[in-house]
Amino acid sequence: MPKDKYIVSPANVVSPVKDKEVALFCAAVNAPVTRALLQSLNVPLPKSIEVSHNTGGDDPPDIEALGLGWECTEFPPNQSALNVVHKEMKGTGMIVPGYSQTGSNIGKIRELAMPYTAYPKPWAVNDEIKALKEVFLEKILGTSKSKDVAPNDILLLDQRNDHWPEYSEAALKQALAEQKPKRLRGILLVRWPTKNIDYSKPPMPEVVQLFP
C-alpha cells in the first residue's frame, strides 16, 4: 500500500494533516524529553523531518521517521469509547464510569453513564490502577499483537480526554516495574489537556518518559 509522506518541523507542534497519529508524533518530537531520548539513542534531530505514515498492511509501525519506528496507541484504551457515549449524550450530562467498571465496552459505558436512570457506582482507586496495569501488560506488552515488536522503536501513548490521568500514569509505572519491553527503545506518554481533543492546535501536551 502507498505510504502518506509529510515534512514536519521540530520547531512547530502543528500537524501538517488532520490525523491523530501524525499529530501525536509532531507533539512528541517537540517535547524536550523526546529530544533527550533521541540524543541518548544517538539520533540527530534535523531542521525538517520526513515522516512516513503507514496504514493497513504497512503497519506496524504507524510512523517511520528519523530512522525509527513510532507506534501510536491510546491509553487508557477506553477514551474513544467514552467519547462516543459523550457525543450521544451531549447536552444531558453523563456519569463517567471507571475503566475498571466497563473496560472499553460502549454498551457498559452507556449503561453506567445515564445521569437519570443510573446511580453512580463507586469504584476504588486501587481497582482502577490494577485494571489499567493489567490491560497494558496483556494487550500492549504481552500478546501476539503486542506493540513490543520489531520494527517498533518508540511507543507513543495517546492520553486525551482522560478524567483520571494520575491513575493511568501510576498504572503504567507499576506495569513497567514488573515487566520491561524486550524490543521497544522508548515509551512516551503524551498527555493532552483533558478538554482539548483538537490534535492540530496548541496548547502543547505534557510528555512523560516512562521507559527507559
Protein backbone atom coordinates (compact mmCIF):
# COMPACT_ATOMS: atom_id res chain seq x y z
CA MET A 1 0.00 0.00 0.00
CA PRO A 2 1.22 3.56 -0.67
CA LYS A 3 2.52 5.47 2.32
CA ASP A 4 1.50 9.03 3.11
CA LYS A 5 4.60 11.20 3.42
CA TYR A 6 4.92 14.56 5.14
CA ILE A 7 7.62 17.02 6.05
CA VAL A 8 7.31 18.30 9.59
CA SER A 9 9.30 20.82 11.56
CA PRO A 10 10.68 20.01 15.02
CA ALA A 11 10.02 23.68 15.81
CA ASN A 12 6.28 23.52 15.08
CA VAL A 13 3.79 21.43 17.03
CA VAL A 14 1.01 21.84 14.45
CA SER A 15 0.45 18.73 12.36
CA PRO A 16 0.54 19.13 8.55
CA VAL A 17 -2.56 16.93 8.33
CA LYS A 18 -5.64 16.33 10.46
CA ASP A 19 -4.62 12.88 11.63
CA LYS A 20 -4.21 11.90 15.26
CA GLU A 21 -1.15 9.69 14.75
CA VAL A 22 0.79 12.28 12.76
CA ALA A 23 -0.29 14.97 15.23
CA LEU A 24 0.80 12.79 18.13
CA PHE A 25 4.25 12.41 16.59
CA CYS A 26 4.53 16.18 15.99
CA ALA A 27 3.59 16.92 19.59
CA ALA A 28 6.00 14.33 20.96
CA VAL A 29 9.00 15.31 18.85
CA ASN A 30 8.67 18.91 20.04
CA ALA A 31 9.00 17.94 23.70
CA PRO A 32 12.36 18.31 25.48
CA VAL A 33 12.04 14.82 26.99
CA THR A 34 11.74 13.30 23.50
CA ARG A 35 14.75 15.20 22.26
CA ALA A 36 16.75 13.93 25.24
CA LEU A 37 15.64 10.37 24.42
CA LEU A 38 16.69 10.78 20.79
CA GLN A 39 20.05 12.13 21.89
CA SER A 40 20.55 9.10 24.14
CA LEU A 41 19.86 6.90 21.09
CA ASN A 42 22.37 8.92 19.02
CA VAL A 43 19.60 10.08 16.69
CA PRO A 44 20.21 13.64 15.41
CA LEU A 45 17.25 16.00 15.02
CA PRO A 46 17.36 17.78 11.62
CA LYS A 47 15.65 21.07 10.78
CA SER A 48 12.98 19.18 8.86
CA ILE A 49 11.78 15.62 9.37
CA GLU A 50 10.39 13.32 6.68
CA VAL A 51 7.53 11.31 8.09
CA SER A 52 6.01 8.20 6.51
CA HIS A 53 2.56 7.38 7.86
CA ASN A 54 1.78 3.70 7.45
CA THR A 55 -1.65 2.09 7.43
CA GLY A 56 -3.11 -1.34 6.75
CA GLY A 57 -0.53 -3.86 5.58
CA ASP A 58 2.35 -1.46 6.22
CA ASP A 59 1.60 -1.24 9.94
CA PRO A 60 3.49 -1.64 12.27
CA PRO A 61 4.98 0.84 12.78
CA ASP A 62 2.39 3.59 12.45
CA ILE A 63 5.06 6.13 11.62
CA GLU A 64 8.59 5.92 10.23
CA ALA A 65 10.75 8.95 10.95
CA LEU A 66 14.34 9.70 11.97
CA GLY A 67 15.27 6.10 11.19
CA LEU A 68 12.92 4.84 13.91
CA GLY A 69 9.54 3.14 14.03
CA TRP A 70 6.95 5.05 16.07
CA GLU A 71 3.89 3.14 17.24
CA CYS A 72 0.83 5.05 18.49
CA THR A 73 -1.91 3.76 20.75
CA GLU A 74 -4.43 5.40 23.06
CA PHE A 75 -4.11 4.83 26.77
CA PRO A 76 -6.35 4.35 28.67
CA PRO A 77 -7.91 2.27 25.89
CA ASN A 78 -11.48 3.39 26.65
CA GLN A 79 -11.08 7.03 25.64
CA SER A 80 -12.61 6.68 22.17
CA ALA A 81 -15.49 4.66 23.61
CA LEU A 82 -16.15 7.32 26.25
CA ASN A 83 -16.13 9.93 23.52
CA VAL A 84 -18.80 8.04 21.56
CA VAL A 85 -21.11 7.96 24.59
CA HIS A 86 -20.35 11.58 25.44
CA LYS A 87 -21.42 12.68 21.93
CA GLU A 88 -24.60 10.60 22.20
CA MET A 89 -25.48 12.29 25.49
CA LYS A 90 -24.44 15.81 24.53
CA GLY A 91 -26.50 18.34 26.45
CA THR A 92 -27.72 15.87 29.07
CA GLY A 93 -24.52 15.31 31.01
CA MET A 94 -23.14 11.92 31.88
CA ILE A 95 -21.67 9.98 34.74
CA VAL A 96 -18.14 8.91 33.81
CA PRO A 97 -17.53 5.32 34.88
CA GLY A 98 -14.07 3.98 35.63
CA TYR A 99 -12.17 1.70 33.26
CA SER A 100 -12.29 -0.95 35.99
CA GLN A 101 -16.09 -0.96 35.68
CA THR A 102 -16.59 -1.08 31.93
CA GLY A 103 -13.32 -1.64 30.09
CA SER A 104 -13.77 -0.30 26.54
CA ASN A 105 -17.28 -1.73 26.16
CA ILE A 106 -19.52 1.04 24.80
CA GLY A 107 -22.66 -0.75 25.96
CA LYS A 108 -21.44 -0.95 29.56
CA ILE A 109 -20.26 2.66 29.48
CA ARG A 110 -23.67 3.75 28.14
CA GLU A 111 -25.45 1.77 30.85
CA LEU A 112 -23.50 3.37 33.70
CA ALA A 113 -23.34 6.85 32.16
CA MET A 114 -27.06 7.73 32.12
CA PRO A 115 -27.46 10.50 34.70
CA TYR A 116 -31.20 9.97 35.33
CA THR A 117 -31.57 6.20 35.21
CA ALA A 118 -28.27 5.10 36.76
CA TYR A 119 -26.91 5.65 40.19
CA PRO A 120 -23.21 6.45 40.38
CA LYS A 121 -21.48 3.20 41.24
CA PRO A 122 -18.35 3.83 43.28
CA TRP A 123 -15.05 2.24 42.38
CA ALA A 124 -11.77 2.11 44.26
CA VAL A 125 -8.67 3.88 43.01
CA ASN A 126 -6.65 0.70 43.51
CA ASP A 127 -9.11 -1.22 41.31
CA GLU A 128 -8.73 1.38 38.56
CA ILE A 129 -4.94 1.28 38.68
CA LYS A 130 -4.94 -2.53 38.73
CA ALA A 131 -7.27 -2.78 35.72
CA LEU A 132 -5.20 -0.31 33.68
CA LYS A 133 -1.97 -2.04 34.64
CA GLU A 134 -3.31 -5.42 33.59
CA VAL A 135 -4.62 -4.23 30.22
CA PHE A 136 -1.27 -2.59 29.47
CA LEU A 137 0.66 -5.74 30.32
CA GLU A 138 -1.75 -8.01 28.47
CA LYS A 139 -2.65 -6.05 25.35
CA ILE A 140 0.32 -3.77 24.78
CA LEU A 141 3.32 -5.74 26.01
CA GLY A 142 2.22 -9.34 26.28
CA THR A 143 0.15 -10.52 23.30
CA SER A 144 0.83 -11.78 19.81
CA LYS A 145 -0.30 -8.33 18.59
CA SER A 146 1.93 -6.61 21.11
CA LYS A 147 3.38 -3.17 20.44
CA ASP A 148 6.70 -4.55 21.70
CA VAL A 149 7.72 -5.97 18.34
CA ALA A 150 10.12 -5.11 15.54
CA PRO A 151 10.12 -2.66 13.76
CA ASN A 152 8.59 -0.57 16.57
CA ASP A 153 11.20 1.51 18.42
CA ILE A 154 9.25 4.22 20.22
CA LEU A 155 5.77 3.72 21.68
CA LEU A 156 3.66 6.87 21.94
CA LEU A 157 0.77 6.52 24.38
CA ASP A 158 -2.01 8.95 23.50
CA GLN A 159 -3.71 10.18 26.67
CA ARG A 160 -6.53 12.52 25.75
CA ASN A 161 -9.75 13.46 27.49
CA ASP A 162 -8.82 11.22 30.43
CA HIS A 163 -10.66 12.11 33.61
CA TRP A 164 -8.13 10.46 35.92
CA PRO A 165 -4.69 10.94 34.29
CA GLU A 166 -2.78 10.31 37.51
CA TYR A 167 -4.23 6.80 37.80
CA SER A 168 -3.13 5.95 34.28
CA GLU A 169 0.42 7.07 34.94
CA ALA A 170 0.56 5.15 38.22
CA ALA A 171 -0.69 2.01 36.43
CA LEU A 172 1.90 2.36 33.67
CA LYS A 173 4.75 2.82 36.11
CA GLN A 174 3.64 -0.24 38.10
CA ALA A 175 3.37 -2.30 34.92
CA LEU A 176 6.85 -1.32 33.72
CA ALA A 177 8.29 -2.07 37.16
CA GLU A 178 7.02 -5.64 36.68
CA GLN A 179 7.87 -6.15 33.01
CA LYS A 180 10.32 -4.35 30.76
CA PRO A 181 9.88 -4.21 26.97
CA LYS A 182 12.16 -6.51 25.02
CA ARG A 183 12.38 -4.54 21.77
CA LEU A 184 10.99 -1.08 22.39
CA ARG A 185 13.70 1.52 22.95
CA GLY A 186 11.44 4.11 24.49
CA ILE A 187 7.89 4.66 25.78
CA LEU A 188 6.44 8.17 25.98
CA LEU A 189 3.10 9.18 27.45
CA VAL A 190 1.66 12.17 25.57
CA ARG A 191 -0.89 13.76 27.89
CA TRP A 192 -3.18 16.26 26.19
CA PRO A 193 -5.15 18.76 28.30
CA THR A 194 -8.29 16.97 29.49
CA LYS A 195 -10.78 19.01 27.46
CA ASN A 196 -8.59 19.53 24.42
CA ILE A 197 -9.17 16.88 21.77
CA ASP A 198 -8.06 19.03 18.82
CA TYR A 199 -4.81 17.44 17.73
CA SER A 200 -3.87 20.31 15.42
CA LYS A 201 -3.70 23.21 17.86
CA PRO A 202 -1.78 24.21 20.99
CA PRO A 203 -1.64 24.09 23.98
CA MET A 204 1.22 21.67 23.99
CA PRO A 205 0.61 18.37 25.73
CA GLU A 206 2.78 17.18 28.58
CA VAL A 207 5.14 14.40 27.52
CA VAL A 208 6.31 11.92 30.17
CA GLN A 209 9.09 9.41 29.57
CA LEU A 210 8.16 6.03 31.04
CA PHE A 211 10.91 3.87 29.53
CA PRO A 212 13.86 3.55 29.65
